């Protein structure tokens, strides 16, 4: 059942992306576009609920869940974007990339839950971290699309997404994550590989969000935020497989 729903969601995400491309060339009915988008959201939410019921706990503990969340958030944001066709296309692409990664061998569906993961602090840590990462992920794709299309709208929706993503990421990765680590392992910080890379990502995000609006429009500032997003994705996808540590996906 999991694979069937996942493939259906992937196919709908691809259709959504193709529609966004066509919409840039020749606009068509918003109703048709919206229907496909809502169908995709329903499938992804159904899949996450299915995984949650099978596990017996909120299914946000695996890399598979993270990619589903990234895809869901990008599509959810796209609902509220009507006239910004560049941002809409970027979010469609971001959503399809994330759901494709959720289907890959790198991100198998969660199997079982380790006792250390059955914690209310973990739920707070993961929910806020994923919310932050999803907002930053969506904002990053829009920023790249602006640079490629050369349709720079100044500090637009991508800036708001990155800012709010930074706040959620700070709360989830640094604050709630440290509290959960204390109850799980007896220390707030252990310089685990994922903790270290999360800190590097957070420092780069902090440097960017505290720049004045005038500086944020400069190419070097955009290079900083894009590099921070690359580091964030590397922390999610690369670190658990390349480095030994306490963090591993179930």
C-alpha atoms as a PDB file:
ATOM      1  CA  UNK A   1       0.000   0.000   0.000  1.00  0.00           C
ATOM      2  CA  UNK A   2       2.827   2.384   0.897  1.00  0.00           C
ATOM      3  CA  UNK A   3       4.490   1.971  -2.503  1.00  0.00           C
ATOM      4  CA  UNK A   4       1.219   2.427  -4.386  1.00  0.00           C
ATOM      5  CA  UNK A   5       0.379   5.706  -2.623  1.00  0.00           C
ATOM      6  CA  UNK A   6       3.972   6.908  -2.969  1.00  0.00           C
ATOM      7  CA  UNK A   7       4.077   6.222  -6.714  1.00  0.00           C
ATOM      8  CA  UNK A   8       0.694   7.919  -7.202  1.00  0.00           C
ATOM      9  CA  UNK A   9       1.973  10.975  -5.318  1.00  0.00           C
ATOM     10  CA  UNK A  10       5.155  11.021  -7.421  1.00  0.00           C
ATOM     11  CA  UNK A  11       3.141  10.839 -10.664  1.00  0.00           C
ATOM     12  CA  UNK A  12       0.843  13.661  -9.550  1.00  0.00           C
ATOM     13  CA  UNK A  13       3.882  15.746  -8.526  1.00  0.00           C
ATOM     14  CA  UNK A  14       5.368  15.247 -12.000  1.00  0.00           C
ATOM     15  CA  UNK A  15       2.058  16.281 -13.605  1.00  0.00           C
ATOM     16  CA  UNK A  16       1.984  19.314 -11.308  1.00  0.00           C
ATOM     17  CA  UNK A  17       5.495  20.277 -12.448  1.00  0.00           C
ATOM     18  CA  UNK A  18       4.600  19.882 -16.143  1.00  0.00           C
ATOM     19  CA  UNK A  19       1.500  22.019 -15.630  1.00  0.00           C
ATOM     20  CA  UNK A  20       3.604  24.723 -13.964  1.00  0.00           C
ATOM     21  CA  UNK A  21       5.957  24.725 -16.974  1.00  0.00           C
ATOM     22  CA  UNK A  22       3.046  24.973 -19.413  1.00  0.00           C
ATOM     23  CA  UNK A  23       1.457  27.715 -17.286  1.00  0.00           C
ATOM     24  CA  UNK A  24       4.568  29.881 -17.773  1.00  0.00           C
ATOM     25  CA  UNK A  25       4.152  29.622 -21.550  1.00  0.00           C
ATOM     26  CA  UNK A  26       0.385  29.817 -21.768  1.00  0.00           C
ATOM     27  CA  UNK A  27      -1.748  30.394 -18.632  1.00  0.00           C
ATOM     28  CA  UNK A  28      -4.789  28.144 -18.246  1.00  0.00           C
ATOM     29  CA  UNK A  29      -7.492  27.464 -15.669  1.00  0.00           C
ATOM     30  CA  UNK A  30      -6.368  27.971 -12.074  1.00  0.00           C
ATOM     31  CA  UNK A  31      -9.023  25.453 -11.049  1.00  0.00           C
ATOM     32  CA  UNK A  32      -7.317  22.596 -12.916  1.00  0.00           C
ATOM     33  CA  UNK A  33      -3.942  23.529 -11.451  1.00  0.00           C
ATOM     34  CA  UNK A  34      -5.391  23.764  -7.939  1.00  0.00           C
ATOM     35  CA  UNK A  35      -7.186  20.422  -8.224  1.00  0.00           C
ATOM     36  CA  UNK A  36      -3.937  18.615  -9.076  1.00  0.00           C
ATOM     37  CA  UNK A  37      -2.188  20.374  -6.204  1.00  0.00           C
ATOM     38  CA  UNK A  38      -4.839  19.395  -3.654  1.00  0.00           C
ATOM     39  CA  UNK A  39      -4.818  15.809  -4.922  1.00  0.00           C
ATOM     40  CA  UNK A  40      -1.066  15.655  -4.377  1.00  0.00           C
ATOM     41  CA  UNK A  41      -1.398  17.062  -0.840  1.00  0.00           C
ATOM     42  CA  UNK A  42      -4.100  14.501  -0.026  1.00  0.00           C
ATOM     43  CA  UNK A  43      -1.897  11.630  -1.216  1.00  0.00           C
ATOM     44  CA  UNK A  44       1.177  12.741   0.739  1.00  0.00           C
ATOM     45  CA  UNK A  45      -0.822  13.364   3.920  1.00  0.00           C
ATOM     46  CA  UNK A  46      -2.474   9.939   3.504  1.00  0.00           C
ATOM     47  CA  UNK A  47       0.947   8.348   3.124  1.00  0.00           C
ATOM     48  CA  UNK A  48       2.272  10.041   6.260  1.00  0.00           C
ATOM     49  CA  UNK A  49      -0.818   8.973   8.221  1.00  0.00           C
ATOM     50  CA  UNK A  50      -0.422   5.410   6.925  1.00  0.00           C
ATOM     51  CA  UNK A  51       3.194   5.331   8.119  1.00  0.00           C
ATOM     52  CA  UNK A  52       2.196   6.818  11.483  1.00  0.00           C
ATOM     53  CA  UNK A  53      -0.484   4.184  12.054  1.00  0.00           C
ATOM     54  CA  UNK A  54       1.930   1.376  11.134  1.00  0.00           C
ATOM     55  CA  UNK A  55       4.631   2.684  13.495  1.00  0.00           C
ATOM     56  CA  UNK A  56       2.345   3.620  16.364  1.00  0.00           C
ATOM     57  CA  UNK A  57       4.091   6.998  16.714  1.00  0.00           C
ATOM     58  CA  UNK A  58       4.273  10.154  14.614  1.00  0.00           C
ATOM     59  CA  UNK A  59       6.138   9.139  11.466  1.00  0.00           C
ATOM     60  CA  UNK A  60       8.855  11.786  11.295  1.00  0.00           C
ATOM     61  CA  UNK A  61      11.888   9.755  12.318  1.00  0.00           C
ATOM     62  CA  UNK A  62      13.355   8.674   8.990  1.00  0.00           C
ATOM     63  CA  UNK A  63      14.912  10.332   5.962  1.00  0.00           C
ATOM     64  CA  UNK A  64      11.874   9.093   4.012  1.00  0.00           C
ATOM     65  CA  UNK A  65       9.643  11.186   6.301  1.00  0.00           C
ATOM     66  CA  UNK A  66      11.897  14.226   5.934  1.00  0.00           C
ATOM     67  CA  UNK A  67      11.655  14.167   2.136  1.00  0.00           C
ATOM     68  CA  UNK A  68       7.886  13.693   2.277  1.00  0.00           C
ATOM     69  CA  UNK A  69       7.705  16.748   4.543  1.00  0.00           C
ATOM     70  CA  UNK A  70       9.890  18.839   2.215  1.00  0.00           C
ATOM     71  CA  UNK A  71       7.666  17.882  -0.712  1.00  0.00           C
ATOM     72  CA  UNK A  72       4.473  18.561   1.234  1.00  0.00           C
ATOM     73  CA  UNK A  73       5.610  22.006   2.412  1.00  0.00           C
ATOM     74  CA  UNK A  74       6.687  23.117  -1.070  1.00  0.00           C
ATOM     75  CA  UNK A  75       3.291  22.115  -2.503  1.00  0.00           C
ATOM     76  CA  UNK A  76       1.436  23.722   0.419  1.00  0.00           C
ATOM     77  CA  UNK A  77       3.185  27.058  -0.136  1.00  0.00           C
ATOM     78  CA  UNK A  78       2.382  26.872  -3.865  1.00  0.00           C
ATOM     79  CA  UNK A  79      -1.346  26.972  -3.024  1.00  0.00           C
ATOM     80  CA  UNK A  80      -1.025  30.556  -1.842  1.00  0.00           C
ATOM     81  CA  UNK A  81       0.996  31.760  -4.837  1.00  0.00           C
ATOM     82  CA  UNK A  82      -1.120  32.924  -7.746  1.00  0.00           C
ATOM     83  CA  UNK A  83       0.687  35.554  -9.813  1.00  0.00           C
ATOM     84  CA  UNK A  84       4.338  34.686  -9.170  1.00  0.00           C
ATOM     85  CA  UNK A  85       4.810  32.042 -11.864  1.00  0.00           C
ATOM     86  CA  UNK A  86       8.574  31.775 -11.283  1.00  0.00           C
ATOM     87  CA  UNK A  87       8.059  30.936  -7.605  1.00  0.00           C
ATOM     88  CA  UNK A  88       5.266  28.533  -8.517  1.00  0.00           C
ATOM     89  CA  UNK A  89       7.494  26.658 -10.959  1.00  0.00           C
ATOM     90  CA  UNK A  90      10.333  26.550  -8.418  1.00  0.00           C
ATOM     91  CA  UNK A  91       8.054  25.086  -5.748  1.00  0.00           C
ATOM     92  CA  UNK A  92       6.652  22.512  -8.188  1.00  0.00           C
ATOM     93  CA  UNK A  93      10.184  21.411  -9.025  1.00  0.00           C
ATOM     94  CA  UNK A  94      11.216  21.373  -5.349  1.00  0.00           C
ATOM     95  CA  UNK A  95       8.204  19.236  -4.477  1.00  0.00           C
ATOM     96  CA  UNK A  96       8.892  16.740  -7.264  1.00  0.00           C
ATOM     97  CA  UNK A  97      12.596  16.466  -6.370  1.00  0.00           C
ATOM     98  CA  UNK A  98      11.767  15.763  -2.722  1.00  0.00           C
ATOM     99  CA  UNK A  99       9.104  13.127  -3.489  1.00  0.00           C
ATOM    100  CA  UNK A 100      11.538  11.502  -5.953  1.00  0.00           C
ATOM    101  CA  UNK A 101      14.163  11.281  -3.202  1.00  0.00           C
ATOM    102  CA  UNK A 102      11.537   9.770  -0.881  1.00  0.00           C
ATOM    103  CA  UNK A 103      11.121   6.983  -3.467  1.00  0.00           C
ATOM    104  CA  UNK A 104      14.860   6.337  -3.764  1.00  0.00           C
ATOM    105  CA  UNK A 105      16.833   3.531  -2.041  1.00  0.00           C
ATOM    106  CA  UNK A 106      18.542   6.228   0.047  1.00  0.00           C
ATOM    107  CA  UNK A 107      15.287   6.879   1.895  1.00  0.00           C
ATOM    108  CA  UNK A 108      13.387   3.656   2.637  1.00  0.00           C
ATOM    109  CA  UNK A 109      10.123   3.901   4.605  1.00  0.00           C
ATOM    110  CA  UNK A 110      10.530   3.620   8.393  1.00  0.00           C
ATOM    111  CA  UNK A 111      10.507   0.099   9.779  1.00  0.00           C
ATOM    112  CA  UNK A 112      10.499   0.220  13.558  1.00  0.00           C
ATOM    113  CA  UNK A 113      10.991   2.751  16.343  1.00  0.00           C
ATOM    114  CA  UNK A 114      13.941   2.536  18.730  1.00  0.00           C
ATOM    115  CA  UNK A 115      13.093   3.171  22.419  1.00  0.00           C
ATOM    116  CA  UNK A 116      15.266   6.315  22.492  1.00  0.00           C
ATOM    117  CA  UNK A 117      13.018   7.815  19.795  1.00  0.00           C
ATOM    118  CA  UNK A 118       9.824   7.444  21.853  1.00  0.00           C
ATOM    119  CA  UNK A 119      10.021  10.870  23.454  1.00  0.00           C
ATOM    120  CA  UNK A 120       7.849  13.982  23.512  1.00  0.00           C
ATOM    121  CA  UNK A 121      11.012  16.089  23.279  1.00  0.00           C
ATOM    122  CA  UNK A 122      11.963  14.235  20.113  1.00  0.00           C
ATOM    123  CA  UNK A 123       8.598  15.100  18.565  1.00  0.00           C
ATOM    124  CA  UNK A 124       9.145  18.797  19.354  1.00  0.00           C
ATOM    125  CA  UNK A 125      12.729  18.591  18.057  1.00  0.00           C
ATOM    126  CA  UNK A 126      11.786  16.872  14.797  1.00  0.00           C
ATOM    127  CA  UNK A 127       8.583  18.822  14.065  1.00  0.00           C
ATOM    128  CA  UNK A 128      10.220  22.231  14.439  1.00  0.00           C
ATOM    129  CA  UNK A 129      13.432  21.171  12.681  1.00  0.00           C
ATOM    130  CA  UNK A 130      11.580  19.747   9.680  1.00  0.00           C
ATOM    131  CA  UNK A 131       9.302  22.793   9.529  1.00  0.00           C
ATOM    132  CA  UNK A 132      12.357  25.034   9.425  1.00  0.00           C
ATOM    133  CA  UNK A 133      14.203  22.893   6.886  1.00  0.00           C
ATOM    134  CA  UNK A 134      11.111  22.712   4.661  1.00  0.00           C
ATOM    135  CA  UNK A 135      10.651  26.489   4.621  1.00  0.00           C
ATOM    136  CA  UNK A 136      14.350  27.076   3.911  1.00  0.00           C
ATOM    137  CA  UNK A 137      14.294  24.389   1.197  1.00  0.00           C
ATOM    138  CA  UNK A 138      11.319  26.044  -0.529  1.00  0.00           C
ATOM    139  CA  UNK A 139      12.843  29.504  -0.216  1.00  0.00           C
ATOM    140  CA  UNK A 140      16.135  28.282  -1.648  1.00  0.00           C
ATOM    141  CA  UNK A 141      14.507  26.839  -4.760  1.00  0.00           C
ATOM    142  CA  UNK A 142      12.635  30.089  -5.379  1.00  0.00           C
ATOM    143  CA  UNK A 143      15.864  32.084  -4.970  1.00  0.00           C
ATOM    144  CA  UNK A 144      17.674  29.858  -7.489  1.00  0.00           C
ATOM    145  CA  UNK A 145      14.757  30.189  -9.919  1.00  0.00           C
ATOM    146  CA  UNK A 146      14.925  33.980  -9.632  1.00  0.00           C
ATOM    147  CA  UNK A 147      18.651  33.954 -10.396  1.00  0.00           C
ATOM    148  CA  UNK A 148      18.256  31.615 -13.378  1.00  0.00           C
ATOM    149  CA  UNK A 149      15.265  33.480 -14.846  1.00  0.00           C
ATOM    150  CA  UNK A 150      16.859  36.874 -14.059  1.00  0.00           C
ATOM    151  CA  UNK A 151      13.456  38.006 -12.801  1.00  0.00           C
ATOM    152  CA  UNK A 152      14.637  39.465  -9.526  1.00  0.00           C
ATOM    153  CA  UNK A 153      11.795  40.846  -7.414  1.00  0.00           C
ATOM    154  CA  UNK A 154      14.082  42.037  -4.630  1.00  0.00           C
ATOM    155  CA  UNK A 155      13.411  40.525  -1.202  1.00  0.00           C
ATOM    156  CA  UNK A 156      10.244  38.585  -1.969  1.00  0.00           C
ATOM    157  CA  UNK A 157       8.508  35.506  -0.588  1.00  0.00           C
ATOM    158  CA  UNK A 158      11.776  33.540  -0.556  1.00  0.00           C
ATOM    159  CA  UNK A 159      13.175  35.941   2.036  1.00  0.00           C
ATOM    160  CA  UNK A 160      10.167  35.408   4.331  1.00  0.00           C
ATOM    161  CA  UNK A 161      10.395  31.632   3.921  1.00  0.00           C
ATOM    162  CA  UNK A 162      14.100  31.606   4.787  1.00  0.00           C
ATOM    163  CA  UNK A 163      13.572  33.905   7.795  1.00  0.00           C
ATOM    164  CA  UNK A 164      10.741  31.860   9.313  1.00  0.00           C
ATOM    165  CA  UNK A 165      12.578  28.662   8.433  1.00  0.00           C
ATOM    166  CA  UNK A 166      15.588  29.970  10.334  1.00  0.00           C
ATOM    167  CA  UNK A 167      13.471  30.611  13.443  1.00  0.00           C
ATOM    168  CA  UNK A 168      11.938  27.125  13.381  1.00  0.00           C
ATOM    169  CA  UNK A 169      15.314  25.531  12.639  1.00  0.00           C
ATOM    170  CA  UNK A 170      16.888  27.390  15.567  1.00  0.00           C
ATOM    171  CA  UNK A 171      14.183  26.191  17.944  1.00  0.00           C
ATOM    172  CA  UNK A 172      14.179  22.622  16.648  1.00  0.00           C
ATOM    173  CA  UNK A 173      17.812  21.841  15.900  1.00  0.00           C
ATOM    174  CA  UNK A 174      19.489  23.800  18.699  1.00  0.00           C
ATOM    175  CA  UNK A 175      17.015  24.199  21.569  1.00  0.00           C
ATOM    176  CA  UNK A 176      14.630  21.224  21.494  1.00  0.00           C
ATOM    177  CA  UNK A 177      17.359  19.036  20.009  1.00  0.00           C
ATOM    178  CA  UNK A 178      19.690  19.807  22.905  1.00  0.00           C
ATOM    179  CA  UNK A 179      16.986  19.053  25.491  1.00  0.00           C
ATOM    180  CA  UNK A 180      16.127  15.739  23.824  1.00  0.00           C
ATOM    181  CA  UNK A 181      19.834  14.850  23.620  1.00  0.00           C
ATOM    182  CA  UNK A 182      20.144  15.428  27.366  1.00  0.00           C
ATOM    183  CA  UNK A 183      17.308  13.027  28.184  1.00  0.00           C
ATOM    184  CA  UNK A 184      18.382  10.492  25.535  1.00  0.00           C
ATOM    185  CA  UNK A 185      22.187  10.484  26.026  1.00  0.00           C
ATOM    186  CA  UNK A 186      22.871  12.478  29.180  1.00  0.00           C
ATOM    187  CA  UNK A 187      24.405  15.585  27.568  1.00  0.00           C
ATOM    188  CA  UNK A 188      23.086  18.625  25.755  1.00  0.00           C
ATOM    189  CA  UNK A 189      25.822  18.529  23.114  1.00  0.00           C
ATOM    190  CA  UNK A 190      28.265  15.829  22.025  1.00  0.00           C
ATOM    191  CA  UNK A 191      29.827  17.176  18.798  1.00  0.00           C
ATOM    192  CA  UNK A 192      28.203  14.334  16.903  1.00  0.00           C
ATOM    193  CA  UNK A 193      28.700  14.677  13.115  1.00  0.00           C
ATOM    194  CA  UNK A 194      25.099  15.700  12.465  1.00  0.00           C
ATOM    195  CA  UNK A 195      25.111  18.145  15.372  1.00  0.00           C
ATOM    196  CA  UNK A 196      28.302  19.723  14.073  1.00  0.00           C
ATOM    197  CA  UNK A 197      27.035  20.108  10.513  1.00  0.00           C
ATOM    198  CA  UNK A 198      23.723  21.460  11.798  1.00  0.00           C
ATOM    199  CA  UNK A 199      25.661  24.066  13.770  1.00  0.00           C
ATOM    200  CA  UNK A 200      27.670  25.045  10.670  1.00  0.00           C
ATOM    201  CA  UNK A 201      24.427  25.411   8.726  1.00  0.00           C
ATOM    202  CA  UNK A 202      22.851  27.468  11.513  1.00  0.00           C
ATOM    203  CA  UNK A 203      25.858  29.819  11.714  1.00  0.00           C
ATOM    204  CA  UNK A 204      25.648  30.501   7.974  1.00  0.00           C
ATOM    205  CA  UNK A 205      21.891  31.068   8.169  1.00  0.00           C
ATOM    206  CA  UNK A 206      22.422  33.376  11.142  1.00  0.00           C
ATOM    207  CA  UNK A 207      24.982  35.406   9.223  1.00  0.00           C
ATOM    208  CA  UNK A 208      22.565  35.810   6.316  1.00  0.00           C
ATOM    209  CA  UNK A 209      19.358  36.706   8.192  1.00  0.00           C
ATOM    210  CA  UNK A 210      21.178  39.398  10.171  1.00  0.00           C
ATOM    211  CA  UNK A 211      22.385  41.204   7.047  1.00  0.00           C
ATOM    212  CA  UNK A 212      20.679  44.449   6.139  1.00  0.00           C
ATOM    213  CA  UNK A 213      18.289  44.325   3.127  1.00  0.00           C
ATOM    214  CA  UNK A 214      20.800  46.248   1.014  1.00  0.00           C
ATOM    215  CA  UNK A 215      23.490  43.610   1.556  1.00  0.00           C
ATOM    216  CA  UNK A 216      21.115  40.687   0.977  1.00  0.00           C
ATOM    217  CA  UNK A 217      20.715  41.751  -2.642  1.00  0.00           C
ATOM    218  CA  UNK A 218      24.446  41.352  -3.315  1.00  0.00           C
ATOM    219  CA  UNK A 219      25.741  38.228  -5.063  1.00  0.00           C
ATOM    220  CA  UNK A 220      28.065  37.226  -2.204  1.00  0.00           C
ATOM    221  CA  UNK A 221      25.162  37.297   0.268  1.00  0.00           C
ATOM    222  CA  UNK A 222      23.091  35.065  -1.980  1.00  0.00           C
ATOM    223  CA  UNK A 223      26.060  32.733  -2.311  1.00  0.00           C
ATOM    224  CA  UNK A 224      26.125  32.475   1.499  1.00  0.00           C
ATOM    225  CA  UNK A 225      22.451  31.507   1.798  1.00  0.00           C
ATOM    226  CA  UNK A 226      22.649  29.054  -1.101  1.00  0.00           C
ATOM    227  CA  UNK A 227      25.706  27.422   0.441  1.00  0.00           C
ATOM    228  CA  UNK A 228      23.867  27.203   3.769  1.00  0.00           C
ATOM    229  CA  UNK A 229      21.002  25.391   2.023  1.00  0.00           C
ATOM    230  CA  UNK A 230      23.471  22.991   0.368  1.00  0.00           C
ATOM    231  CA  UNK A 231      24.986  22.305   3.806  1.00  0.00           C
ATOM    232  CA  UNK A 232      21.504  21.722   5.227  1.00  0.00           C
ATOM    233  CA  UNK A 233      20.731  19.141   2.536  1.00  0.00           C
ATOM    234  CA  UNK A 234      24.144  17.531   3.043  1.00  0.00           C
ATOM    235  CA  UNK A 235      23.399  17.281   6.775  1.00  0.00           C
ATOM    236  CA  UNK A 236      20.153  15.478   5.969  1.00  0.00           C
ATOM    237  CA  UNK A 237      21.343  13.234   3.154  1.00  0.00           C
ATOM    238  CA  UNK A 238      25.128  12.901   3.367  1.00  0.00           C
ATOM    239  CA  UNK A 239      26.129  13.023   7.022  1.00  0.00           C
ATOM    240  CA  UNK A 240      24.182   9.947   8.256  1.00  0.00           C
ATOM    241  CA  UNK A 241      25.813   7.804   5.537  1.00  0.00           C
ATOM    242  CA  UNK A 242      29.329   9.248   5.499  1.00  0.00           C
ATOM    243  CA  UNK A 243      30.016   9.712   9.218  1.00  0.00           C
ATOM    244  CA  UNK A 244      29.538   7.504  12.254  1.00  0.00           C
ATOM    245  CA  UNK A 245      27.509   9.071  15.039  1.00  0.00           C
ATOM    246  CA  UNK A 246      24.511   8.918  17.326  1.00  0.00           C
ATOM    247  CA  UNK A 247      22.101  10.096  14.654  1.00  0.00           C
ATOM    248  CA  UNK A 248      20.814   7.450  12.259  1.00  0.00           C
ATOM    249  CA  UNK A 249      17.566   7.218  10.351  1.00  0.00           C
ATOM    250  CA  UNK A 250      15.164   4.472  11.268  1.00  0.00           C
END
